[in-house]
């Protein structure tokens, strides 16, 4: 990281900073879908058992932090 940004390392990338959700901003938005839209579920790519385990672990952590619901 360029030295000019070092003063923000802890504030932005520190453990405490990464453990909370950012505050709402004016530029946050919602994705609106058209009436009648149906989501099609497809596998993007195959994962090994270990990779699936890591994904589930990550999702549980994010749910616990309240980042996703």
PDB file of N, CA and C in Angstrom:
ATOM      1  N   UNK A   1       0.845  -1.167   0.000  1.00  0.00           N
ATOM      2  CA  UNK A   1       0.000   0.000   0.000  1.00  0.00           C
ATOM      3  C   UNK A   1       0.894   1.235   0.000  1.00  0.00           C
ATOM      4  N   UNK A   2       0.577   2.229  -0.816  1.00  0.00           N
ATOM      5  CA  UNK A   2       1.380   3.448  -0.845  1.00  0.00           C
ATOM      6  C   UNK A   2       1.419   4.106   0.536  1.00  0.00           C
ATOM      7  N   UNK A   3       2.555   4.654   0.870  1.00  0.00           N
ATOM      8  CA  UNK A   3       2.783   5.245   2.195  1.00  0.00           C
ATOM      9  C   UNK A   3       1.781   6.343   2.528  1.00  0.00           C
ATOM     10  N   UNK A   4       1.308   7.056   1.545  1.00  0.00           N
ATOM     11  CA  UNK A   4       0.364   8.157   1.790  1.00  0.00           C
ATOM     12  C   UNK A   4      -0.945   7.684   2.408  1.00  0.00           C
ATOM     13  N   UNK A   5      -1.253   6.380   2.297  1.00  0.00           N
ATOM     14  CA  UNK A   5      -2.505   5.846   2.837  1.00  0.00           C
ATOM     15  C   UNK A   5      -2.317   5.113   4.164  1.00  0.00           C
ATOM     16  N   UNK A   6      -1.095   5.029   4.663  1.00  0.00           N
ATOM     17  CA  UNK A   6      -0.823   4.271   5.883  1.00  0.00           C
ATOM     18  C   UNK A   6      -1.583   4.793   7.091  1.00  0.00           C
ATOM     19  N   UNK A   7      -1.875   6.088   7.134  1.00  0.00           N
ATOM     20  CA  UNK A   7      -2.569   6.634   8.301  1.00  0.00           C
ATOM     21  C   UNK A   7      -3.990   6.090   8.443  1.00  0.00           C
ATOM     22  N   UNK A   8      -4.541   5.488   7.393  1.00  0.00           N
ATOM     23  CA  UNK A   8      -5.893   4.943   7.448  1.00  0.00           C
ATOM     24  C   UNK A   8      -5.941   3.425   7.588  1.00  0.00           C
ATOM     25  N   UNK A   9      -4.799   2.781   7.664  1.00  0.00           N
ATOM     26  CA  UNK A   9      -4.780   1.307   7.682  1.00  0.00           C
ATOM     27  C   UNK A   9      -5.650   0.760   8.808  1.00  0.00           C
ATOM     28  N   UNK A  10      -5.431   1.193  10.046  1.00  0.00           N
ATOM     29  CA  UNK A  10      -6.208   0.663  11.168  1.00  0.00           C
ATOM     30  C   UNK A  10      -7.664   1.105  11.099  1.00  0.00           C
ATOM     31  N   UNK A  11      -7.894   2.344  10.702  1.00  0.00           N
ATOM     32  CA  UNK A  11      -9.257   2.876  10.653  1.00  0.00           C
ATOM     33  C   UNK A  11     -10.134   2.130   9.635  1.00  0.00           C
ATOM     34  N   UNK A  12      -9.561   1.767   8.525  1.00  0.00           N
ATOM     35  CA  UNK A  12     -10.333   1.129   7.447  1.00  0.00           C
ATOM     36  C   UNK A  12     -10.199  -0.388   7.445  1.00  0.00           C
ATOM     37  N   UNK A  13      -8.969  -0.884   7.653  1.00  0.00           N
ATOM     38  CA  UNK A  13      -8.719  -2.311   7.500  1.00  0.00           C
ATOM     39  C   UNK A  13      -8.491  -3.052   8.813  1.00  0.00           C
ATOM     40  N   UNK A  14      -8.524  -2.366   9.932  1.00  0.00           N
ATOM     41  CA  UNK A  14      -8.295  -3.004  11.222  1.00  0.00           C
ATOM     42  C   UNK A  14      -9.409  -3.967  11.595  1.00  0.00           C
ATOM     43  N   UNK A  15      -9.134  -4.839  12.557  1.00  0.00           N
ATOM     44  CA  UNK A  15     -10.113  -5.836  12.988  1.00  0.00           C
ATOM     45  C   UNK A  15     -11.399  -5.177  13.502  1.00  0.00           C
ATOM     46  N   UNK A  16     -11.260  -4.106  14.302  1.00  0.00           N
ATOM     47  CA  UNK A  16     -12.431  -3.423  14.838  1.00  0.00           C
ATOM     48  C   UNK A  16     -13.278  -2.812  13.717  1.00  0.00           C
ATOM     49  N   UNK A  17     -12.614  -2.156  12.769  1.00  0.00           N
ATOM     50  CA  UNK A  17     -13.328  -1.507  11.659  1.00  0.00           C
ATOM     51  C   UNK A  17     -14.012  -2.524  10.763  1.00  0.00           C
ATOM     52  N   UNK A  18     -13.394  -3.684  10.576  1.00  0.00           N
ATOM     53  CA  UNK A  18     -13.989  -4.675   9.676  1.00  0.00           C
ATOM     54  C   UNK A  18     -15.085  -5.487  10.354  1.00  0.00           C
ATOM     55  N   UNK A  19     -15.282  -5.302  11.646  1.00  0.00           N
ATOM     56  CA  UNK A  19     -16.296  -6.059  12.373  1.00  0.00           C
ATOM     57  C   UNK A  19     -17.627  -5.350  12.479  1.00  0.00           C
ATOM     58  N   UNK A  20     -17.815  -4.279  11.744  1.00  0.00           N
ATOM     59  CA  UNK A  20     -19.088  -3.554  11.792  1.00  0.00           C
ATOM     60  C   UNK A  20     -19.512  -3.147  10.387  1.00  0.00           C
ATOM     61  N   UNK A  21     -20.785  -2.910  10.238  1.00  0.00           N
ATOM     62  CA  UNK A  21     -21.303  -2.458   8.955  1.00  0.00           C
ATOM     63  C   UNK A  21     -21.066  -0.967   8.803  1.00  0.00           C
ATOM     64  N   UNK A  22     -20.759  -0.517   7.600  1.00  0.00           N
ATOM     65  CA  UNK A  22     -20.643   0.924   7.371  1.00  0.00           C
ATOM     66  C   UNK A  22     -22.000   1.599   7.573  1.00  0.00           C
ATOM     67  N   UNK A  23     -21.993   2.867   7.911  1.00  0.00           N
ATOM     68  CA  UNK A  23     -23.248   3.590   8.072  1.00  0.00           C
ATOM     69  C   UNK A  23     -23.903   3.802   6.714  1.00  0.00           C
ATOM     70  N   UNK A  24     -25.214   4.054   6.718  1.00  0.00           N
ATOM     71  CA  UNK A  24     -25.931   4.292   5.462  1.00  0.00           C
ATOM     72  C   UNK A  24     -25.425   5.579   4.819  1.00  0.00           C
ATOM     73  N   UNK A  25     -25.360   5.547   3.512  1.00  0.00           N
ATOM     74  CA  UNK A  25     -24.907   6.710   2.744  1.00  0.00           C
ATOM     75  C   UNK A  25     -25.981   7.097   1.738  1.00  0.00           C
ATOM     76  N   UNK A  26     -25.905   8.310   1.234  1.00  0.00           N
ATOM     77  CA  UNK A  26     -26.864   8.780   0.240  1.00  0.00           C
ATOM     78  C   UNK A  26     -26.848   7.938  -1.020  1.00  0.00           C
ATOM     79  N   UNK A  27     -25.699   7.355  -1.337  1.00  0.00           N
ATOM     80  CA  UNK A  27     -25.574   6.614  -2.590  1.00  0.00           C
ATOM     81  C   UNK A  27     -25.958   5.139  -2.451  1.00  0.00           C
ATOM     82  N   UNK A  28     -26.384   4.684  -1.275  1.00  0.00           N
ATOM     83  CA  UNK A  28     -26.897   3.318  -1.150  1.00  0.00           C
ATOM     84  C   UNK A  28     -28.177   3.203  -1.971  1.00  0.00           C
ATOM     85  N   UNK A  29     -28.416   2.057  -2.526  1.00  0.00           N
ATOM     86  CA  UNK A  29     -29.604   1.898  -3.351  1.00  0.00           C
ATOM     87  C   UNK A  29     -30.147   0.480  -3.249  1.00  0.00           C
ATOM     88  N   UNK A  30     -31.355   0.318  -3.692  1.00  0.00           N
ATOM     89  CA  UNK A  30     -32.027  -0.968  -3.721  1.00  0.00           C
ATOM     90  C   UNK A  30     -32.169  -1.391  -5.170  1.00  0.00           C
ATOM     91  N   UNK A  31     -32.014  -2.664  -5.426  1.00  0.00           N
ATOM     92  CA  UNK A  31     -32.219  -3.183  -6.772  1.00  0.00           C
ATOM     93  C   UNK A  31     -33.699  -3.552  -6.890  1.00  0.00           C
ATOM     94  N   UNK A  32     -34.391  -2.841  -7.715  1.00  0.00           N
ATOM     95  CA  UNK A  32     -35.811  -3.094  -7.942  1.00  0.00           C
ATOM     96  C   UNK A  32     -35.949  -4.095  -9.094  1.00  0.00           C
ATOM     97  N   UNK A  33     -36.831  -5.061  -8.941  1.00  0.00           N
ATOM     98  CA  UNK A  33     -37.068  -6.027 -10.020  1.00  0.00           C
ATOM     99  C   UNK A  33     -38.478  -5.843 -10.547  1.00  0.00           C
ATOM    100  N   UNK A  34     -38.662  -6.206 -11.784  1.00  0.00           N
ATOM    101  CA  UNK A  34     -39.973  -6.063 -12.409  1.00  0.00           C
ATOM    102  C   UNK A  34     -40.946  -7.073 -11.842  1.00  0.00           C
ATOM    103  N   UNK A  35     -42.207  -6.708 -11.805  1.00  0.00           N
ATOM    104  CA  UNK A  35     -43.253  -7.608 -11.327  1.00  0.00           C
ATOM    105  C   UNK A  35     -43.260  -8.870 -12.187  1.00  0.00           C
ATOM    106  N   UNK A  36     -43.352 -10.006 -11.545  1.00  0.00           N
ATOM    107  CA  UNK A  36     -43.357 -11.271 -12.259  1.00  0.00           C
ATOM    108  C   UNK A  36     -41.974 -11.861 -12.477  1.00  0.00           C
ATOM    109  N   UNK A  37     -40.936 -11.149 -12.064  1.00  0.00           N
ATOM    110  CA  UNK A  37     -39.575 -11.647 -12.227  1.00  0.00           C
ATOM    111  C   UNK A  37     -39.376 -12.907 -11.397  1.00  0.00           C
ATOM    112  N   UNK A  38     -38.820 -13.931 -12.002  1.00  0.00           N
ATOM    113  CA  UNK A  38     -38.523 -15.177 -11.306  1.00  0.00           C
ATOM    114  C   UNK A  38     -37.018 -15.405 -11.332  1.00  0.00           C
ATOM    115  N   UNK A  39     -36.465 -15.616 -10.161  1.00  0.00           N
ATOM    116  CA  UNK A  39     -35.044 -15.885 -10.048  1.00  0.00           C
ATOM    117  C   UNK A  39     -34.786 -17.323 -10.465  1.00  0.00           C
ATOM    118  N   UNK A  40     -33.851 -17.511 -11.366  1.00  0.00           N
ATOM    119  CA  UNK A  40     -33.475 -18.862 -11.791  1.00  0.00           C
ATOM    120  C   UNK A  40     -32.219 -19.266 -11.053  1.00  0.00           C
ATOM    121  N   UNK A  41     -32.274 -20.384 -10.391  1.00  0.00           N
ATOM    122  CA  UNK A  41     -31.115 -20.862  -9.652  1.00  0.00           C
ATOM    123  C   UNK A  41     -30.274 -21.742 -10.563  1.00  0.00           C
ATOM    124  N   UNK A  42     -29.000 -21.425 -10.624  1.00  0.00           N
ATOM    125  CA  UNK A  42     -28.046 -22.202 -11.399  1.00  0.00           C
ATOM    126  C   UNK A  42     -26.761 -22.297 -10.599  1.00  0.00           C
ATOM    127  N   UNK A  43     -26.025 -23.354 -10.815  1.00  0.00           N
ATOM    128  CA  UNK A  43     -24.705 -23.444 -10.226  1.00  0.00           C
ATOM    129  C   UNK A  43     -23.752 -22.619 -11.082  1.00  0.00           C
ATOM    130  N   UNK A  44     -23.058 -21.697 -10.437  1.00  0.00           N
ATOM    131  CA  UNK A  44     -22.090 -20.893 -11.182  1.00  0.00           C
ATOM    132  C   UNK A  44     -20.885 -21.755 -11.552  1.00  0.00           C
ATOM    133  N   UNK A  45     -20.443 -22.578 -10.603  1.00  0.00           N
ATOM    134  CA  UNK A  45     -19.348 -23.505 -10.845  1.00  0.00           C
ATOM    135  C   UNK A  45     -19.332 -24.517  -9.721  1.00  0.00           C
ATOM    136  N   UNK A  46     -18.725 -25.647  -9.965  1.00  0.00           N
ATOM    137  CA  UNK A  46     -18.678 -26.713  -8.972  1.00  0.00           C
ATOM    138  C   UNK A  46     -17.646 -26.403  -7.900  1.00  0.00           C
ATOM    139  N   UNK A  47     -17.974 -26.772  -6.665  1.00  0.00           N
ATOM    140  CA  UNK A  47     -17.062 -26.595  -5.542  1.00  0.00           C
ATOM    141  C   UNK A  47     -16.762 -27.944  -4.910  1.00  0.00           C
ATOM    142  N   UNK A  48     -15.565 -28.077  -4.377  1.00  0.00           N
ATOM    143  CA  UNK A  48     -15.223 -29.292  -3.647  1.00  0.00           C
ATOM    144  C   UNK A  48     -15.924 -29.254  -2.282  1.00  0.00           C
ATOM    145  N   UNK A  49     -15.912 -30.350  -1.571  1.00  0.00           N
ATOM    146  CA  UNK A  49     -16.520 -30.421  -0.246  1.00  0.00           C
ATOM    147  C   UNK A  49     -15.867 -29.391   0.693  1.00  0.00           C
ATOM    148  N   UNK A  50     -14.538 -29.274   0.620  1.00  0.00           N
ATOM    149  CA  UNK A  50     -13.823 -28.321   1.464  1.00  0.00           C
ATOM    150  C   UNK A  50     -14.212 -26.877   1.122  1.00  0.00           C
ATOM    151  N   UNK A  51     -14.322 -26.588  -0.166  1.00  0.00           N
ATOM    152  CA  UNK A  51     -14.709 -25.238  -0.588  1.00  0.00           C
ATOM    153  C   UNK A  51     -16.126 -24.899  -0.127  1.00  0.00           C
ATOM    154  N   UNK A  52     -17.035 -25.857  -0.241  1.00  0.00           N
ATOM    155  CA  UNK A  52     -18.400 -25.632   0.236  1.00  0.00           C
ATOM    156  C   UNK A  52     -18.408 -25.371   1.740  1.00  0.00           C
ATOM    157  N   UNK A  53     -17.572 -26.108   2.477  1.00  0.00           N
ATOM    158  CA  UNK A  53     -17.467 -25.895   3.919  1.00  0.00           C
ATOM    159  C   UNK A  53     -16.992 -24.489   4.252  1.00  0.00           C
ATOM    160  N   UNK A  54     -16.013 -23.998   3.497  1.00  0.00           N
ATOM    161  CA  UNK A  54     -15.506 -22.643   3.709  1.00  0.00           C
ATOM    162  C   UNK A  54     -16.572 -21.595   3.391  1.00  0.00           C
ATOM    163  N   UNK A  55     -17.326 -21.843   2.338  1.00  0.00           N
ATOM    164  CA  UNK A  55     -18.407 -20.913   1.966  1.00  0.00           C
ATOM    165  C   UNK A  55     -19.449 -20.860   3.082  1.00  0.00           C
ATOM    166  N   UNK A  56     -19.844 -22.012   3.598  1.00  0.00           N
ATOM    167  CA  UNK A  56     -20.841 -22.054   4.676  1.00  0.00           C
ATOM    168  C   UNK A  56     -20.309 -21.361   5.928  1.00  0.00           C
ATOM    169  N   UNK A  57     -19.041 -21.546   6.233  1.00  0.00           N
ATOM    170  CA  UNK A  57     -18.416 -20.892   7.382  1.00  0.00           C
ATOM    171  C   UNK A  57     -18.459 -19.371   7.202  1.00  0.00           C
ATOM    172  N   UNK A  58     -18.110 -18.906   6.010  1.00  0.00           N
ATOM    173  CA  UNK A  58     -18.128 -17.472   5.716  1.00  0.00           C
ATOM    174  C   UNK A  58     -19.540 -16.910   5.863  1.00  0.00           C
ATOM    175  N   UNK A  59     -20.518 -17.618   5.324  1.00  0.00           N
ATOM    176  CA  UNK A  59     -21.906 -17.155   5.403  1.00  0.00           C
ATOM    177  C   UNK A  59     -22.357 -17.065   6.852  1.00  0.00           C
ATOM    178  N   UNK A  60     -22.033 -18.055   7.661  1.00  0.00           N
ATOM    179  CA  UNK A  60     -22.401 -18.029   9.079  1.00  0.00           C
ATOM    180  C   UNK A  60     -21.772 -16.838   9.787  1.00  0.00           C
ATOM    181  N   UNK A  61     -20.511 -16.540   9.481  1.00  0.00           N
ATOM    182  CA  UNK A  61     -19.845 -15.384  10.086  1.00  0.00           C
ATOM    183  C   UNK A  61     -20.548 -14.081   9.700  1.00  0.00           C
ATOM    184  N   UNK A  62     -20.908 -13.956   8.433  1.00  0.00           N
ATOM    185  CA  UNK A  62     -21.563 -12.740   7.965  1.00  0.00           C
ATOM    186  C   UNK A  62     -22.970 -12.601   8.549  1.00  0.00           C
ATOM    187  N   UNK A  63     -23.674 -13.712   8.696  1.00  0.00           N
ATOM    188  CA  UNK A  63     -24.980 -13.683   9.343  1.00  0.00           C
ATOM    189  C   UNK A  63     -24.837 -13.247  10.797  1.00  0.00           C
ATOM    190  N   UNK A  64     -23.824 -13.772  11.477  1.00  0.00           N
ATOM    191  CA  UNK A  64     -23.575 -13.421  12.872  1.00  0.00           C
ATOM    192  C   UNK A  64     -23.257 -11.946  13.063  1.00  0.00           C
ATOM    193  N   UNK A  65     -22.582 -11.350  12.107  1.00  0.00           N
ATOM    194  CA  UNK A  65     -22.251  -9.918  12.178  1.00  0.00           C
ATOM    195  C   UNK A  65     -23.435  -9.049  11.781  1.00  0.00           C
ATOM    196  N   UNK A  66     -24.458  -9.653  11.161  1.00  0.00           N
ATOM    197  CA  UNK A  66     -25.590  -8.887  10.704  1.00  0.00           C
ATOM    198  C   UNK A  66     -25.370  -8.235   9.347  1.00  0.00           C
ATOM    199  N   UNK A  67     -24.298  -8.632   8.651  1.00  0.00           N
ATOM    200  CA  UNK A  67     -24.008  -8.074   7.337  1.00  0.00           C
ATOM    201  C   UNK A  67     -25.016  -8.533   6.293  1.00  0.00           C
ATOM    202  N   UNK A  68     -25.512  -9.762   6.467  1.00  0.00           N
ATOM    203  CA  UNK A  68     -26.520 -10.319   5.554  1.00  0.00           C
ATOM    204  C   UNK A  68     -27.651 -10.882   6.394  1.00  0.00           C
ATOM    205  N   UNK A  69     -28.789 -11.082   5.778  1.00  0.00           N
ATOM    206  CA  UNK A  69     -29.920 -11.655   6.518  1.00  0.00           C
ATOM    207  C   UNK A  69     -30.674 -12.633   5.651  1.00  0.00           C
TER     208      UNK A  69
END
